[in-house]
PDB file of N, CA and C in Angstrom:
ATOM      1  N   MET A   1       0.794  -1.092  -0.044  1.00  0.00           N
ATOM      2  CA  MET A   1      -0.110   0.009   0.149  1.00  0.00           C
ATOM      3  C   MET A   1       0.899   1.214  -0.155  1.00  0.00           C
ATOM      4  N   ASP A   2       0.415   2.064  -0.737  1.00  0.00           N
ATOM      5  CA  ASP A   2       1.244   3.627  -0.719  1.00  0.00           C
ATOM      6  C   ASP A   2       1.105   4.095   0.554  1.00  0.00           C
ATOM      7  N   LYS A   3       2.446   4.840   0.967  1.00  0.00           N
ATOM      8  CA  LYS A   3       2.467   5.411   2.328  1.00  0.00           C
ATOM      9  C   LYS A   3       1.512   6.767   2.090  1.00  0.00           C
ATOM     10  N   ASP A   4       1.561   7.385   1.192  1.00  0.00           N
ATOM     11  CA  ASP A   4       0.953   8.615   1.046  1.00  0.00           C
ATOM     12  C   ASP A   4      -0.580   8.606   1.050  1.00  0.00           C
ATOM     13  N   ILE A   5      -1.089   7.491   0.976  1.00  0.00           N
ATOM     14  CA  ILE A   5      -2.751   7.462   0.996  1.00  0.00           C
ATOM     15  C   ILE A   5      -3.172   7.427   2.369  1.00  0.00           C
ATOM     16  N   ASN A   6      -3.967   8.347   2.729  1.00  0.00           N
ATOM     17  CA  ASN A   6      -4.654   8.397   4.114  1.00  0.00           C
ATOM     18  C   ASN A   6      -6.057   7.792   4.012  1.00  0.00           C
ATOM     19  N   GLY A   7      -6.111   6.511   4.383  1.00  0.00           N
ATOM     20  CA  GLY A   7      -7.476   5.916   4.314  1.00  0.00           C
ATOM     21  C   GLY A   7      -8.626   6.534   4.874  1.00  0.00           C
ATOM     22  N   PRO A   8      -8.476   6.998   6.170  1.00  0.00           N
ATOM     23  CA  PRO A   8      -9.344   7.714   6.880  1.00  0.00           C
ATOM     24  C   PRO A   8      -9.838   8.974   6.349  1.00  0.00           C
ATOM     25  N   ALA A   9      -8.869   9.675   5.739  1.00  0.00           N
ATOM     26  CA  ALA A   9      -9.130  10.968   5.236  1.00  0.00           C
ATOM     27  C   ALA A   9      -9.835  10.753   3.944  1.00  0.00           C
ATOM     28  N   LEU A  10      -9.534   9.684   3.122  1.00  0.00           N
ATOM     29  CA  LEU A  10     -10.220   9.322   1.840  1.00  0.00           C
ATOM     30  C   LEU A  10     -11.713   8.984   2.244  1.00  0.00           C
ATOM     31  N   LEU A  11     -12.006   8.295   3.190  1.00  0.00           N
ATOM     32  CA  LEU A  11     -13.256   7.721   3.699  1.00  0.00           C
ATOM     33  C   LEU A  11     -14.039   9.058   3.938  1.00  0.00           C
ATOM     34  N   LEU A  12     -13.678   9.929   4.734  1.00  0.00           N
ATOM     35  CA  LEU A  12     -14.285  11.177   5.191  1.00  0.00           C
ATOM     36  C   LEU A  12     -14.598  11.992   3.771  1.00  0.00           C
ATOM     37  N   GLU A  13     -13.689  12.139   2.834  1.00  0.00           N
ATOM     38  CA  GLU A  13     -13.881  12.929   1.622  1.00  0.00           C
ATOM     39  C   GLU A  13     -14.877  12.197   0.827  1.00  0.00           C
ATOM     40  N   ASN A  14     -14.819  10.696   0.776  1.00  0.00           N
ATOM     41  CA  ASN A  14     -15.992  10.035   0.110  1.00  0.00           C
ATOM     42  C   ASN A  14     -17.344  10.282   0.579  1.00  0.00           C
ATOM     43  N   ASP A  15     -17.381  10.277   1.928  1.00  0.00           N
ATOM     44  CA  ASP A  15     -18.699  10.437   2.603  1.00  0.00           C
ATOM     45  C   ASP A  15     -19.013  11.760   2.317  1.00  0.00           C
ATOM     46  N   SER A  16     -18.274  12.899   2.175  1.00  0.00           N
ATOM     47  CA  SER A  16     -18.728  14.327   2.058  1.00  0.00           C
ATOM     48  C   SER A  16     -19.137  14.329   0.634  1.00  0.00           C
ATOM     49  N   LEU A  17     -18.486  13.867  -0.356  1.00  0.00           N
ATOM     50  CA  LEU A  17     -18.929  13.853  -1.715  1.00  0.00           C
ATOM     51  C   LEU A  17     -20.304  13.304  -1.959  1.00  0.00           C
ATOM     52  N   HIS A  18     -20.295  12.164  -1.159  1.00  0.00           N
ATOM     53  CA  HIS A  18     -21.676  11.390  -1.175  1.00  0.00           C
ATOM     54  C   HIS A  18     -22.935  12.110  -0.800  1.00  0.00           C
ATOM     55  N   LYS A  19     -22.734  12.990   0.354  1.00  0.00           N
ATOM     56  CA  LYS A  19     -23.638  13.639   0.831  1.00  0.00           C
ATOM     57  C   LYS A  19     -23.974  15.091  -0.268  1.00  0.00           C
ATOM     58  N   LYS A  20     -22.889  15.657  -0.586  1.00  0.00           N
ATOM     59  CA  LYS A  20     -23.214  16.566  -1.722  1.00  0.00           C
ATOM     60  C   LYS A  20     -23.737  16.122  -2.841  1.00  0.00           C
ATOM     61  N   LEU A  21     -23.508  15.011  -3.350  1.00  0.00           N
ATOM     62  CA  LEU A  21     -24.249  14.401  -4.548  1.00  0.00           C
ATOM     63  C   LEU A  21     -25.806  14.281  -4.269  1.00  0.00           C
ATOM     64  N   HIS A  22     -25.891  13.543  -3.004  1.00  0.00           N
ATOM     65  CA  HIS A  22     -27.438  13.313  -2.563  1.00  0.00           C
ATOM     66  C   HIS A  22     -28.127  14.554  -2.521  1.00  0.00           C
ATOM     67  N   SER A  23     -27.458  15.708  -1.994  1.00  0.00           N
ATOM     68  CA  SER A  23     -28.169  16.973  -1.901  1.00  0.00           C
ATOM     69  C   SER A  23     -28.429  17.501  -3.308  1.00  0.00           C
ATOM     70  N   LEU A  24     -27.534  17.511  -4.210  1.00  0.00           N
ATOM     71  CA  LEU A  24     -27.684  18.091  -5.491  1.00  0.00           C
ATOM     72  C   LEU A  24     -28.718  17.208  -6.233  1.00  0.00           C
ATOM     73  N   THR A  25     -28.734  15.971  -5.982  1.00  0.00           N
ATOM     74  CA  THR A  25     -29.806  15.148  -6.673  1.00  0.00           C
ATOM     75  C   THR A  25     -31.196  15.565  -6.181  1.00  0.00           C
ATOM     76  N   LYS A  26     -31.334  15.617  -5.083  1.00  0.00           N
ATOM     77  CA  LYS A  26     -32.647  16.156  -4.287  1.00  0.00           C
ATOM     78  C   LYS A  26     -33.050  17.489  -4.882  1.00  0.00           C
ATOM     79  N   GLU A  27     -32.004  18.475  -4.874  1.00  0.00           N
ATOM     80  CA  GLU A  27     -32.239  19.818  -5.439  1.00  0.00           C
ATOM     81  C   GLU A  27     -32.746  19.796  -6.916  1.00  0.00           C
ATOM     82  N   ASN A  28     -32.154  18.852  -7.646  1.00  0.00           N
ATOM     83  CA  ASN A  28     -32.318  18.761  -9.041  1.00  0.00           C
ATOM     84  C   ASN A  28     -33.789  18.149  -9.230  1.00  0.00           C
ATOM     85  N   ARG A  29     -34.191  17.187  -8.539  1.00  0.00           N
ATOM     86  CA  ARG A  29     -35.517  16.579  -8.532  1.00  0.00           C
ATOM     87  C   ARG A  29     -36.562  17.773  -8.200  1.00  0.00           C
ATOM     88  N   ASP A  30     -36.199  18.678  -6.989  1.00  0.00           N
ATOM     89  CA  ASP A  30     -37.216  19.538  -6.696  1.00  0.00           C
ATOM     90  C   ASP A  30     -37.319  20.656  -7.871  1.00  0.00           C
ATOM     91  N   LEU A  31     -36.228  21.055  -8.404  1.00  0.00           N
ATOM     92  CA  LEU A  31     -36.207  22.092  -9.370  1.00  0.00           C
ATOM     93  C   LEU A  31     -37.157  21.634 -10.631  1.00  0.00           C
ATOM     94  N   ARG A  32     -36.993  20.156 -10.939  1.00  0.00           N
ATOM     95  CA  ARG A  32     -37.668  19.665 -12.097  1.00  0.00           C
ATOM     96  C   ARG A  32     -39.297  19.776 -11.771  1.00  0.00           C
ATOM     97  N   LYS A  33     -39.586  19.421 -10.599  1.00  0.00           N
ATOM     98  CA  LYS A  33     -40.947  19.520 -10.081  1.00  0.00           C
ATOM     99  C   LYS A  33     -41.598  21.095 -10.195  1.00  0.00           C
ATOM    100  N   ILE A  34     -40.786  21.815  -9.805  1.00  0.00           N
ATOM    101  CA  ILE A  34     -41.013  23.409  -9.928  1.00  0.00           C
ATOM    102  C   ILE A  34     -41.284  23.710 -11.486  1.00  0.00           C
ATOM    103  N   GLN A  35     -40.466  23.180 -12.452  1.00  0.00           N
ATOM    104  CA  GLN A  35     -40.364  23.417 -13.856  1.00  0.00           C
ATOM    105  C   GLN A  35     -41.725  22.693 -14.281  1.00  0.00           C
ATOM    106  N   ILE A  36     -41.991  21.671 -14.003  1.00  0.00           N
ATOM    107  CA  ILE A  36     -43.291  21.036 -14.521  1.00  0.00           C
ATOM    108  C   ILE A  36     -44.594  21.714 -14.169  1.00  0.00           C
ATOM    109  N   LEU A  37     -44.488  22.258 -12.873  1.00  0.00           N
ATOM    110  CA  LEU A  37     -45.728  22.998 -12.461  1.00  0.00           C
ATOM    111  C   LEU A  37     -45.915  24.420 -13.036  1.00  0.00           C
ATOM    112  N   PHE A  38     -44.643  25.064 -13.252  1.00  0.00           N
ATOM    113  CA  PHE A  38     -44.554  26.259 -14.032  1.00  0.00           C
ATOM    114  C   PHE A  38     -45.129  26.242 -15.409  1.00  0.00           C
ATOM    115  N   SER A  39     -44.605  24.929 -16.128  1.00  0.00           N
ATOM    116  CA  SER A  39     -45.250  24.759 -17.300  1.00  0.00           C
ATOM    117  C   SER A  39     -46.733  24.552 -17.430  1.00  0.00           C
ATOM    118  N   GLN A  40     -47.205  23.929 -16.523  1.00  0.00           N
ATOM    119  CA  GLN A  40     -48.619  23.627 -16.444  1.00  0.00           C
ATOM    120  C   GLN A  40     -49.390  24.927 -16.216  1.00  0.00           C
ATOM    121  N   VAL A  41     -48.893  25.779 -15.454  1.00  0.00           N
ATOM    122  CA  VAL A  41     -49.616  27.095 -15.117  1.00  0.00           C
ATOM    123  C   VAL A  41     -49.621  27.983 -16.443  1.00  0.00           C
ATOM    124  N   GLU A  42     -48.463  27.896 -17.225  1.00  0.00           N
ATOM    125  CA  GLU A  42     -48.289  28.446 -18.284  1.00  0.00           C
ATOM    126  C   GLU A  42     -49.346  28.049 -19.266  1.00  0.00           C
ATOM    127  N   GLU A  43     -49.535  26.716 -19.418  1.00  0.00           N
ATOM    128  CA  GLU A  43     -50.491  26.129 -20.371  1.00  0.00           C
ATOM    129  C   GLU A  43     -51.963  26.457 -19.964  1.00  0.00           C
ATOM    130  N   MET A  44     -52.317  26.341 -18.694  1.00  0.00           N
ATOM    131  CA  MET A  44     -53.647  26.747 -18.162  1.00  0.00           C
ATOM    132  C   MET A  44     -53.900  28.195 -18.553  1.00  0.00           C
ATOM    133  N   GLY A  45     -52.975  29.057 -18.251  1.00  0.00           N
ATOM    134  CA  GLY A  45     -53.099  30.518 -18.559  1.00  0.00           C
ATOM    135  C   GLY A  45     -52.962  31.157 -20.053  1.00  0.00           C
ATOM    136  N   ASN A  46     -52.580  30.103 -20.762  1.00  0.00           N
ATOM    137  CA  ASN A  46     -52.271  30.456 -22.235  1.00  0.00           C
ATOM    138  C   ASN A  46     -51.173  31.349 -22.190  1.00  0.00           C
ATOM    139  N   LEU A  47     -50.075  31.508 -21.353  1.00  0.00           N
ATOM    140  CA  LEU A  47     -48.998  32.392 -21.409  1.00  0.00           C
ATOM    141  C   LEU A  47     -47.769  31.858 -21.755  1.00  0.00           C
ATOM    142  N   GLY A  48     -46.702  32.443 -22.060  1.00  0.00           N
ATOM    143  CA  GLY A  48     -45.507  32.040 -22.228  1.00  0.00           C
ATOM    144  C   GLY A  48     -44.411  33.019 -21.906  1.00  0.00           C
ATOM    145  N   HIS A  49     -43.178  32.572 -21.727  1.00  0.00           N
ATOM    146  CA  HIS A  49     -41.984  33.598 -21.517  1.00  0.00           C
ATOM    147  C   HIS A  49     -40.847  33.271 -22.436  1.00  0.00           C
ATOM    148  N   TRP A  50     -40.016  34.328 -22.769  1.00  0.00           N
ATOM    149  CA  TRP A  50     -38.983  34.137 -23.356  1.00  0.00           C
ATOM    150  C   TRP A  50     -37.735  35.037 -22.991  1.00  0.00           C
ATOM    151  N   GLU A  51     -36.745  34.948 -23.517  1.00  0.00           N
ATOM    152  CA  GLU A  51     -35.486  35.846 -23.200  1.00  0.00           C
ATOM    153  C   GLU A  51     -34.734  36.186 -24.573  1.00  0.00           C
ATOM    154  N   TRP A  52     -34.596  37.215 -24.843  1.00  0.00           N
ATOM    155  CA  TRP A  52     -33.780  37.595 -26.015  1.00  0.00           C
ATOM    156  C   TRP A  52     -32.424  38.088 -25.908  1.00  0.00           C
ATOM    157  N   ASP A  53     -31.454  37.542 -26.729  1.00  0.00           N
ATOM    158  CA  ASP A  53     -30.193  38.170 -26.624  1.00  0.00           C
ATOM    159  C   ASP A  53     -29.936  39.150 -27.850  1.00  0.00           C
ATOM    160  N   GLU A  54     -29.865  40.427 -27.386  1.00  0.00           N
ATOM    161  CA  GLU A  54     -29.777  41.528 -28.150  1.00  0.00           C
ATOM    162  C   GLU A  54     -28.351  41.437 -29.134  1.00  0.00           C
ATOM    163  N   ILE A  55     -27.191  41.035 -28.381  1.00  0.00           N
ATOM    164  CA  ILE A  55     -26.136  40.883 -29.212  1.00  0.00           C
ATOM    165  C   ILE A  55     -26.099  39.832 -30.307  1.00  0.00           C
ATOM    166  N   ALA A  56     -26.548  38.683 -29.977  1.00  0.00           N
ATOM    167  CA  ALA A  56     -26.460  37.636 -30.844  1.00  0.00           C
ATOM    168  C   ALA A  56     -27.764  37.601 -31.657  1.00  0.00           C
ATOM    169  N   GLY A  57     -28.766  38.450 -31.559  1.00  0.00           N
ATOM    170  CA  GLY A  57     -29.923  38.570 -32.263  1.00  0.00           C
ATOM    171  C   GLY A  57     -30.792  37.459 -32.351  1.00  0.00           C
ATOM    172  N   GLY A  58     -31.167  36.835 -31.329  1.00  0.00           N
ATOM    173  CA  GLY A  58     -32.059  35.700 -31.068  1.00  0.00           C
ATOM    174  C   GLY A  58     -32.575  35.469 -29.819  1.00  0.00           C
ATOM    175  N   TYR A  59     -33.409  34.420 -29.814  1.00  0.00           N
ATOM    176  CA  TYR A  59     -33.759  33.957 -28.371  1.00  0.00           C
ATOM    177  C   TYR A  59     -32.817  33.237 -27.846  1.00  0.00           C
ATOM    178  N   ILE A  60     -32.638  33.455 -26.559  1.00  0.00           N
ATOM    179  CA  ILE A  60     -31.762  32.602 -25.650  1.00  0.00           C
ATOM    180  C   ILE A  60     -32.678  31.482 -25.233  1.00  0.00           C
ATOM    181  N   THR A  61     -33.779  31.731 -24.958  1.00  0.00           N
ATOM    182  CA  THR A  61     -34.730  30.446 -24.659  1.00  0.00           C
ATOM    183  C   THR A  61     -36.110  31.047 -24.677  1.00  0.00           C
ATOM    184  N   CYS A  62     -37.048  30.082 -24.848  1.00  0.00           N
ATOM    185  CA  CYS A  62     -38.575  30.379 -24.752  1.00  0.00           C
ATOM    186  C   CYS A  62     -39.233  29.201 -24.254  1.00  0.00           C
ATOM    187  N   SER A  63     -40.444  29.422 -23.538  1.00  0.00           N
ATOM    188  CA  SER A  63     -41.215  28.231 -22.982  1.00  0.00           C
ATOM    189  C   SER A  63     -41.954  27.411 -24.144  1.00  0.00           C
ATOM    190  N   GLU A  64     -42.188  26.172 -23.709  1.00  0.00           N
ATOM    191  CA  GLU A  64     -42.737  25.463 -24.747  1.00  0.00           C
ATOM    192  C   GLU A  64     -44.225  26.126 -25.133  1.00  0.00           C
ATOM    193  N   GLN A  65     -44.942  26.766 -24.069  1.00  0.00           N
ATOM    194  CA  GLN A  65     -46.314  27.405 -24.091  1.00  0.00           C
ATOM    195  C   GLN A  65     -46.028  28.612 -25.090  1.00  0.00           C
ATOM    196  N   TYR A  66     -45.005  29.284 -25.003  1.00  0.00           N
ATOM    197  CA  TYR A  66     -44.844  30.775 -25.843  1.00  0.00           C
ATOM    198  C   TYR A  66     -44.646  30.126 -27.409  1.00  0.00           C
ATOM    199  N   ALA A  67     -43.938  29.231 -27.573  1.00  0.00           N
ATOM    200  CA  ALA A  67     -43.832  28.703 -28.900  1.00  0.00           C
ATOM    201  C   ALA A  67     -44.985  28.103 -29.612  1.00  0.00           C
ATOM    202  N   LYS A  68     -45.840  27.575 -28.638  1.00  0.00           N
ATOM    203  CA  LYS A  68     -47.179  26.826 -29.210  1.00  0.00           C
ATOM    204  C   LYS A  68     -47.965  27.807 -29.390  1.00  0.00           C
ATOM    205  N   ILE A  69     -48.114  28.932 -28.620  1.00  0.00           N
ATOM    206  CA  ILE A  69     -48.967  30.055 -28.918  1.00  0.00           C
ATOM    207  C   ILE A  69     -49.041  30.606 -30.484  1.00  0.00           C
ATOM    208  N   PHE A  70     -47.653  30.587 -30.861  1.00  0.00           N
ATOM    209  CA  PHE A  70     -47.475  31.116 -32.370  1.00  0.00           C
ATOM    210  C   PHE A  70     -47.437  29.860 -33.389  1.00  0.00           C
ATOM    211  N   GLY A  71     -47.624  28.735 -32.841  1.00  0.00           N
ATOM    212  CA  GLY A  71     -47.571  27.518 -33.806  1.00  0.00           C
ATOM    213  C   GLY A  71     -46.199  26.944 -34.193  1.00  0.00           C
ATOM    214  N   PHE A  72     -45.236  27.320 -33.263  1.00  0.00           N
ATOM    215  CA  PHE A  72     -43.952  26.800 -33.322  1.00  0.00           C
ATOM    216  C   PHE A  72     -43.643  25.703 -32.224  1.00  0.00           C
ATOM    217  N   THR A  73     -42.594  25.078 -32.583  1.00  0.00           N
ATOM    218  CA  THR A  73     -41.823  24.232 -31.473  1.00  0.00           C
ATOM    219  C   THR A  73     -40.856  25.104 -30.764  1.00  0.00           C
ATOM    220  N   VAL A  74     -40.190  24.859 -29.672  1.00  0.00           N
ATOM    221  CA  VAL A  74     -39.229  25.807 -29.032  1.00  0.00           C
ATOM    222  C   VAL A  74     -37.885  25.736 -30.075  1.00  0.00           C
ATOM    223  N   LYS A  75     -37.817  24.721 -30.731  1.00  0.00           N
ATOM    224  CA  LYS A  75     -36.466  24.483 -31.710  1.00  0.00           C
ATOM    225  C   LYS A  75     -36.858  25.562 -32.747  1.00  0.00           C
ATOM    226  N   GLN A  76     -37.855  25.533 -33.306  1.00  0.00           N
ATOM    227  CA  GLN A  76     -38.334  26.381 -34.521  1.00  0.00           C
ATOM    228  C   GLN A  76     -38.225  27.875 -34.075  1.00  0.00           C
ATOM    229  N   MET A  77     -38.833  28.159 -32.843  1.00  0.00           N
ATOM    230  CA  MET A  77     -38.547  29.686 -32.496  1.00  0.00           C
ATOM    231  C   MET A  77     -37.216  30.117 -32.360  1.00  0.00           C
ATOM    232  N   LEU A  78     -36.191  29.212 -31.717  1.00  0.00           N
ATOM    233  CA  LEU A  78     -35.080  29.654 -31.586  1.00  0.00           C
ATOM    234  C   LEU A  78     -34.183  29.763 -32.844  1.00  0.00           C
ATOM    235  N   GLU A  79     -34.500  28.860 -33.803  1.00  0.00           N
ATOM    236  CA  GLU A  79     -33.935  28.941 -35.193  1.00  0.00           C
ATOM    237  C   GLU A  79     -34.516  29.930 -36.126  1.00  0.00           C
ATOM    238  N   GLU A  80     -35.821  30.204 -36.095  1.00  0.00           N
ATOM    239  CA  GLU A  80     -36.404  30.883 -37.204  1.00  0.00           C
ATOM    240  C   GLU A  80     -36.785  32.386 -36.889  1.00  0.00           C
ATOM    241  N   ILE A  81     -36.855  32.718 -35.650  1.00  0.00           N
ATOM    242  CA  ILE A  81     -37.164  34.147 -35.140  1.00  0.00           C
ATOM    243  C   ILE A  81     -35.744  34.563 -34.643  1.00  0.00           C
ATOM    244  N   THR A  82     -35.174  35.368 -35.559  1.00  0.00           N
ATOM    245  CA  THR A  82     -33.898  35.768 -35.201  1.00  0.00           C
ATOM    246  C   THR A  82     -33.652  37.405 -35.395  1.00  0.00           C
ATOM    247  N   THR A  83     -34.686  38.193 -35.615  1.00  0.00           N
ATOM    248  CA  THR A  83     -34.449  39.629 -35.605  1.00  0.00           C
ATOM    249  C   THR A  83     -35.438  40.250 -34.934  1.00  0.00           C
ATOM    250  N   VAL A  84     -35.390  41.264 -34.387  1.00  0.00           N
ATOM    251  CA  VAL A  84     -36.391  42.110 -33.537  1.00  0.00           C
ATOM    252  C   VAL A  84     -37.568  42.313 -34.421  1.00  0.00           C
ATOM    253  N   GLU A  85     -37.325  42.424 -35.653  1.00  0.00           N
ATOM    254  CA  GLU A  85     -38.650  42.653 -36.545  1.00  0.00           C
ATOM    255  C   GLU A  85     -39.581  41.415 -36.578  1.00  0.00           C
ATOM    256  N   ASP A  86     -38.771  40.193 -36.482  1.00  0.00           N
ATOM    257  CA  ASP A  86     -39.498  38.809 -36.477  1.00  0.00           C
ATOM    258  C   ASP A  86     -40.453  38.923 -35.205  1.00  0.00           C
ATOM    259  N   VAL A  87     -39.864  39.605 -34.005  1.00  0.00           N
ATOM    260  CA  VAL A  87     -40.463  39.514 -32.831  1.00  0.00           C
ATOM    261  C   VAL A  87     -41.706  40.450 -33.058  1.00  0.00           C
ATOM    262  N   TYR A  88     -41.556  41.445 -33.414  1.00  0.00           N
ATOM    263  CA  TYR A  88     -42.489  42.768 -33.706  1.00  0.00           C
ATOM    264  C   TYR A  88     -43.801  41.995 -34.232  1.00  0.00           C
ATOM    265  N   GLY A  89     -43.434  41.020 -35.348  1.00  0.00           N
ATOM    266  CA  GLY A  89     -44.494  40.373 -36.210  1.00  0.00           C
ATOM    267  C   GLY A  89     -45.364  39.551 -35.260  1.00  0.00           C
ATOM    268  N   LEU A  90     -44.789  39.035 -34.235  1.00  0.00           N
ATOM    269  CA  LEU A  90     -45.364  38.135 -33.386  1.00  0.00           C
ATOM    270  C   LEU A  90     -46.260  38.921 -32.362  1.00  0.00           C
ATOM    271  N   VAL A  91     -45.872  40.212 -31.830  1.00  0.00           N
ATOM    272  CA  VAL A  91     -46.730  40.982 -30.952  1.00  0.00           C
ATOM    273  C   VAL A  91     -48.099  41.584 -31.620  1.00  0.00           C
ATOM    274  N   CYS A  92     -49.080  41.374 -31.000  1.00  0.00           N
ATOM    275  CA  CYS A  92     -50.480  41.808 -31.527  1.00  0.00           C
ATOM    276  C   CYS A  92     -50.282  43.303 -31.826  1.00  0.00           C
ATOM    277  N   GLU A  93     -51.161  43.711 -32.870  1.00  0.00           N
ATOM    278  CA  GLU A  93     -51.027  45.008 -33.425  1.00  0.00           C
ATOM    279  C   GLU A  93     -51.298  46.126 -32.393  1.00  0.00           C
ATOM    280  N   GLU A  94     -52.340  45.738 -31.596  1.00  0.00           N
ATOM    281  CA  GLU A  94     -52.374  46.897 -30.521  1.00  0.00           C
ATOM    282  C   GLU A  94     -51.434  47.041 -29.366  1.00  0.00           C
ATOM    283  N   ASP A  95     -50.510  46.063 -29.387  1.00  0.00           N
ATOM    284  CA  ASP A  95     -49.440  46.167 -28.433  1.00  0.00           C
ATOM    285  C   ASP A  95     -48.111  46.445 -29.108  1.00  0.00           C
ATOM    286  N   ARG A  96     -48.137  46.504 -30.333  1.00  0.00           N
ATOM    287  CA  ARG A  96     -46.737  46.633 -31.065  1.00  0.00           C
ATOM    288  C   ARG A  96     -45.994  47.860 -30.721  1.00  0.00           C
ATOM    289  N   ASP A  97     -46.683  49.094 -30.819  1.00  0.00           N
ATOM    290  CA  ASP A  97     -46.078  50.336 -30.745  1.00  0.00           C
ATOM    291  C   ASP A  97     -45.403  50.445 -29.295  1.00  0.00           C
ATOM    292  N   ARG A  98     -46.213  49.903 -28.385  1.00  0.00           N
ATOM    293  CA  ARG A  98     -45.909  50.085 -26.905  1.00  0.00           C
ATOM    294  C   ARG A  98     -44.627  49.121 -26.727  1.00  0.00           C
ATOM    295  N   PHE A  99     -44.733  47.904 -27.236  1.00  0.00           N
ATOM    296  CA  PHE A  99     -43.678  47.013 -27.325  1.00  0.00           C
ATOM    297  C   PHE A  99     -42.200  47.480 -27.780  1.00  0.00           C
ATOM    298  N   ARG A 100     -42.289  48.186 -29.056  1.00  0.00           N
ATOM    299  CA  ARG A 100     -41.397  48.701 -29.566  1.00  0.00           C
ATOM    300  C   ARG A 100     -40.603  49.986 -28.876  1.00  0.00           C
ATOM    301  N   SER A 101     -41.601  50.867 -28.383  1.00  0.00           N
ATOM    302  CA  SER A 101     -41.150  51.833 -27.374  1.00  0.00           C
ATOM    303  C   SER A 101     -40.274  51.358 -26.016  1.00  0.00           C
ATOM    304  N   VAL A 102     -40.913  50.212 -25.457  1.00  0.00           N
ATOM    305  CA  VAL A 102     -40.295  49.659 -24.445  1.00  0.00           C
ATOM    306  C   VAL A 102     -39.066  48.972 -24.842  1.00  0.00           C
ATOM    307  N   TYR A 103     -38.792  48.400 -25.892  1.00  0.00           N
ATOM    308  CA  TYR A 103     -37.769  47.747 -26.339  1.00  0.00           C
ATOM    309  C   TYR A 103     -36.645  48.866 -26.694  1.00  0.00           C
ATOM    310  N   ASP A 104     -37.010  49.886 -27.344  1.00  0.00           N
ATOM    311  CA  ASP A 104     -36.074  50.949 -27.908  1.00  0.00           C
ATOM    312  C   ASP A 104     -35.422  51.763 -26.615  1.00  0.00           C
ATOM    313  N   LEU A 105     -36.425  51.839 -25.671  1.00  0.00           N
ATOM    314  CA  LEU A 105     -35.744  52.489 -24.450  1.00  0.00           C
ATOM    315  C   LEU A 105     -34.919  51.676 -23.647  1.00  0.00           C
ATOM    316  N   SER A 106     -35.126  50.454 -23.600  1.00  0.00           N
ATOM    317  CA  SER A 106     -34.145  49.314 -22.957  1.00  0.00           C
ATOM    318  C   SER A 106     -32.907  49.285 -23.725  1.00  0.00           C
ATOM    319  N   LEU A 107     -32.927  49.530 -24.912  1.00  0.00           N
ATOM    320  CA  LEU A 107     -31.546  49.701 -25.767  1.00  0.00           C
ATOM    321  C   LEU A 107     -30.819  50.963 -25.345  1.00  0.00           C
ATOM    322  N   LYS A 108     -31.744  52.261 -25.430  1.00  0.00           N
ATOM    323  CA  LYS A 108     -31.062  53.419 -25.074  1.00  0.00           C
ATOM    324  C   LYS A 108     -30.312  53.376 -23.798  1.00  0.00           C
ATOM    325  N   ASN A 109     -31.091  52.816 -22.737  1.00  0.00           N
ATOM    326  CA  ASN A 109     -30.660  52.937 -21.395  1.00  0.00           C
ATOM    327  C   ASN A 109     -29.710  51.774 -20.903  1.00  0.00           C
ATOM    328  N   LYS A 110     -29.595  50.582 -21.957  1.00  0.00           N
ATOM    329  CA  LYS A 110     -28.635  49.523 -21.633  1.00  0.00           C
ATOM    330  C   LYS A 110     -29.001  48.898 -20.460  1.00  0.00           C
ATOM    331  N   ARG A 111     -30.636  48.534 -20.393  1.00  0.00           N
ATOM    332  CA  ARG A 111     -31.193  47.891 -19.247  1.00  0.00           C
ATOM    333  C   ARG A 111     -32.006  46.743 -19.808  1.00  0.00           C
ATOM    334  N   GLY A 112     -32.122  45.798 -18.856  1.00  0.00           N
ATOM    335  CA  GLY A 112     -33.289  45.012 -19.222  1.00  0.00           C
ATOM    336  C   GLY A 112     -34.547  45.354 -19.025  1.00  0.00           C
ATOM    337  N   TRP A 113     -35.491  44.513 -19.402  1.00  0.00           N
ATOM    338  CA  TRP A 113     -37.039  45.049 -19.278  1.00  0.00           C
ATOM    339  C   TRP A 113     -37.851  43.793 -19.369  1.00  0.00           C
ATOM    340  N   ARG A 114     -39.094  44.039 -18.779  1.00  0.00           N
ATOM    341  CA  ARG A 114     -40.173  43.055 -18.677  1.00  0.00           C
ATOM    342  C   ARG A 114     -41.458  43.752 -19.314  1.00  0.00           C
ATOM    343  N   MET A 115     -42.221  43.109 -19.901  1.00  0.00           N
ATOM    344  CA  MET A 115     -43.449  43.760 -20.383  1.00  0.00           C
ATOM    345  C   MET A 115     -44.583  42.597 -20.591  1.00  0.00           C
ATOM    346  N   GLU A 116     -45.686  42.673 -20.228  1.00  0.00           N
ATOM    347  CA  GLU A 116     -46.874  41.784 -20.636  1.00  0.00           C
ATOM    348  C   GLU A 116     -47.529  42.468 -21.801  1.00  0.00           C
ATOM    349  N   HIS A 117     -47.842  41.494 -22.818  1.00  0.00           N
ATOM    350  CA  HIS A 117     -48.758  42.016 -23.958  1.00  0.00           C
ATOM    351  C   HIS A 117     -49.455  40.863 -24.392  1.00  0.00           C
TER     352      HIS A 117
END
């Protein structure tokens, strides 16, 4: 046996890693449950959410329900809606000017924004 190996220390480290892994696994399960509930709430309310990357010019992510509202899959939304003009086309006409104003102001002020429409 190698003299540099400290058996008891390795056992303690292994036990510590096992506890951390168990904790992360539980957190992952809990997070998945929350994601499922959130998706169900979005579907019941016919709502969706998305994040846009201004620099890359495209969605970072969008919910399944958001894509479904427009007749897309999430993959299609991420691949096909690649300009702000594309997004404007998805916004109902009565909200389009307000949406554009909020968006333009966020660019000018270099800040994020939230808006319901």
